[in-house]
């Protein structure tokens, strides 16, 4: 099958929408829908786990 007129003339997705989709797939946003609107809230828990692990002192580097 060939491309339809919709395939040819549909503009690319909004960059903000694409970014929100990427962040959602990475688990960094939580989306909710209310009365025709979609709200995206940051989910900082995954980043907090990384920061906590990264900032934890390395016992191998402790002074004797």
C-alpha atoms as a PDB file:
ATOM      1  CA  UNK A   1       0.000   0.000   0.000  1.00  0.00           C
ATOM      2  CA  UNK A   2       1.167   3.521  -0.747  1.00  0.00           C
ATOM      3  CA  UNK A   3       1.266   6.502   1.558  1.00  0.00           C
ATOM      4  CA  UNK A   4      -2.011   8.232   2.205  1.00  0.00           C
ATOM      5  CA  UNK A   5      -2.498  12.002   2.064  1.00  0.00           C
ATOM      6  CA  UNK A   6      -2.614  11.986   5.859  1.00  0.00           C
ATOM      7  CA  UNK A   7       0.802  10.287   6.004  1.00  0.00           C
ATOM      8  CA  UNK A   8       2.287  12.863   3.653  1.00  0.00           C
ATOM      9  CA  UNK A   9       0.745  16.033   5.107  1.00  0.00           C
ATOM     10  CA  UNK A  10       0.701  15.271   8.833  1.00  0.00           C
ATOM     11  CA  UNK A  11       3.261  17.522  10.549  1.00  0.00           C
ATOM     12  CA  UNK A  12       5.797  15.895  12.849  1.00  0.00           C
ATOM     13  CA  UNK A  13       4.823  15.500  16.493  1.00  0.00           C
ATOM     14  CA  UNK A  14       5.284  18.489  18.733  1.00  0.00           C
ATOM     15  CA  UNK A  15       8.818  18.387  20.272  1.00  0.00           C
ATOM     16  CA  UNK A  16       7.432  18.880  23.782  1.00  0.00           C
ATOM     17  CA  UNK A  17       5.052  15.958  23.285  1.00  0.00           C
ATOM     18  CA  UNK A  18       7.927  13.777  22.086  1.00  0.00           C
ATOM     19  CA  UNK A  19      10.043  14.774  25.095  1.00  0.00           C
ATOM     20  CA  UNK A  20       7.206  13.968  27.496  1.00  0.00           C
ATOM     21  CA  UNK A  21       6.788  10.581  25.814  1.00  0.00           C
ATOM     22  CA  UNK A  22      10.499   9.806  26.259  1.00  0.00           C
ATOM     23  CA  UNK A  23      10.435  10.909  29.907  1.00  0.00           C
ATOM     24  CA  UNK A  24       7.312   8.830  30.502  1.00  0.00           C
ATOM     25  CA  UNK A  25       8.880   5.702  29.013  1.00  0.00           C
ATOM     26  CA  UNK A  26      11.926   6.287  31.237  1.00  0.00           C
ATOM     27  CA  UNK A  27       9.665   6.444  34.290  1.00  0.00           C
ATOM     28  CA  UNK A  28      10.506  10.084  35.044  1.00  0.00           C
ATOM     29  CA  UNK A  29       6.996  11.499  34.667  1.00  0.00           C
ATOM     30  CA  UNK A  30       3.543  10.505  35.839  1.00  0.00           C
ATOM     31  CA  UNK A  31       0.641  11.430  33.555  1.00  0.00           C
ATOM     32  CA  UNK A  32      -2.967  11.946  34.504  1.00  0.00           C
ATOM     33  CA  UNK A  33      -5.969  13.031  32.484  1.00  0.00           C
ATOM     34  CA  UNK A  34      -8.686  15.370  33.725  1.00  0.00           C
ATOM     35  CA  UNK A  35     -11.605  16.682  31.653  1.00  0.00           C
ATOM     36  CA  UNK A  36      -9.862  16.616  28.293  1.00  0.00           C
ATOM     37  CA  UNK A  37      -6.461  17.760  29.582  1.00  0.00           C
ATOM     38  CA  UNK A  38      -3.394  15.666  30.247  1.00  0.00           C
ATOM     39  CA  UNK A  39      -1.119  16.677  33.105  1.00  0.00           C
ATOM     40  CA  UNK A  40       2.479  15.497  33.421  1.00  0.00           C
ATOM     41  CA  UNK A  41       4.159  15.587  36.807  1.00  0.00           C
ATOM     42  CA  UNK A  42       7.815  14.753  37.440  1.00  0.00           C
ATOM     43  CA  UNK A  43       8.558  11.534  39.290  1.00  0.00           C
ATOM     44  CA  UNK A  44      11.830  12.222  41.075  1.00  0.00           C
ATOM     45  CA  UNK A  45      12.018   8.887  42.918  1.00  0.00           C
ATOM     46  CA  UNK A  46      14.181   7.159  40.259  1.00  0.00           C
ATOM     47  CA  UNK A  47      16.600  10.107  40.267  1.00  0.00           C
ATOM     48  CA  UNK A  48      16.697  10.158  44.070  1.00  0.00           C
ATOM     49  CA  UNK A  49      17.777   6.507  44.109  1.00  0.00           C
ATOM     50  CA  UNK A  50      20.593   7.243  41.655  1.00  0.00           C
ATOM     51  CA  UNK A  51      21.732  10.353  43.523  1.00  0.00           C
ATOM     52  CA  UNK A  52      21.694   8.551  46.867  1.00  0.00           C
ATOM     53  CA  UNK A  53      23.742   5.674  45.490  1.00  0.00           C
ATOM     54  CA  UNK A  54      26.121   8.010  43.683  1.00  0.00           C
ATOM     55  CA  UNK A  55      26.684  10.318  46.674  1.00  0.00           C
ATOM     56  CA  UNK A  56      27.189   7.483  49.169  1.00  0.00           C
ATOM     57  CA  UNK A  57      30.809   7.514  50.401  1.00  0.00           C
ATOM     58  CA  UNK A  58      32.928   4.702  49.043  1.00  0.00           C
ATOM     59  CA  UNK A  59      34.285   2.669  52.005  1.00  0.00           C
ATOM     60  CA  UNK A  60      37.400   1.841  49.971  1.00  0.00           C
ATOM     61  CA  UNK A  61      38.327   5.527  49.990  1.00  0.00           C
ATOM     62  CA  UNK A  62      38.165   5.999  53.765  1.00  0.00           C
ATOM     63  CA  UNK A  63      41.346   7.175  55.449  1.00  0.00           C
ATOM     64  CA  UNK A  64      43.090   4.688  57.760  1.00  0.00           C
END
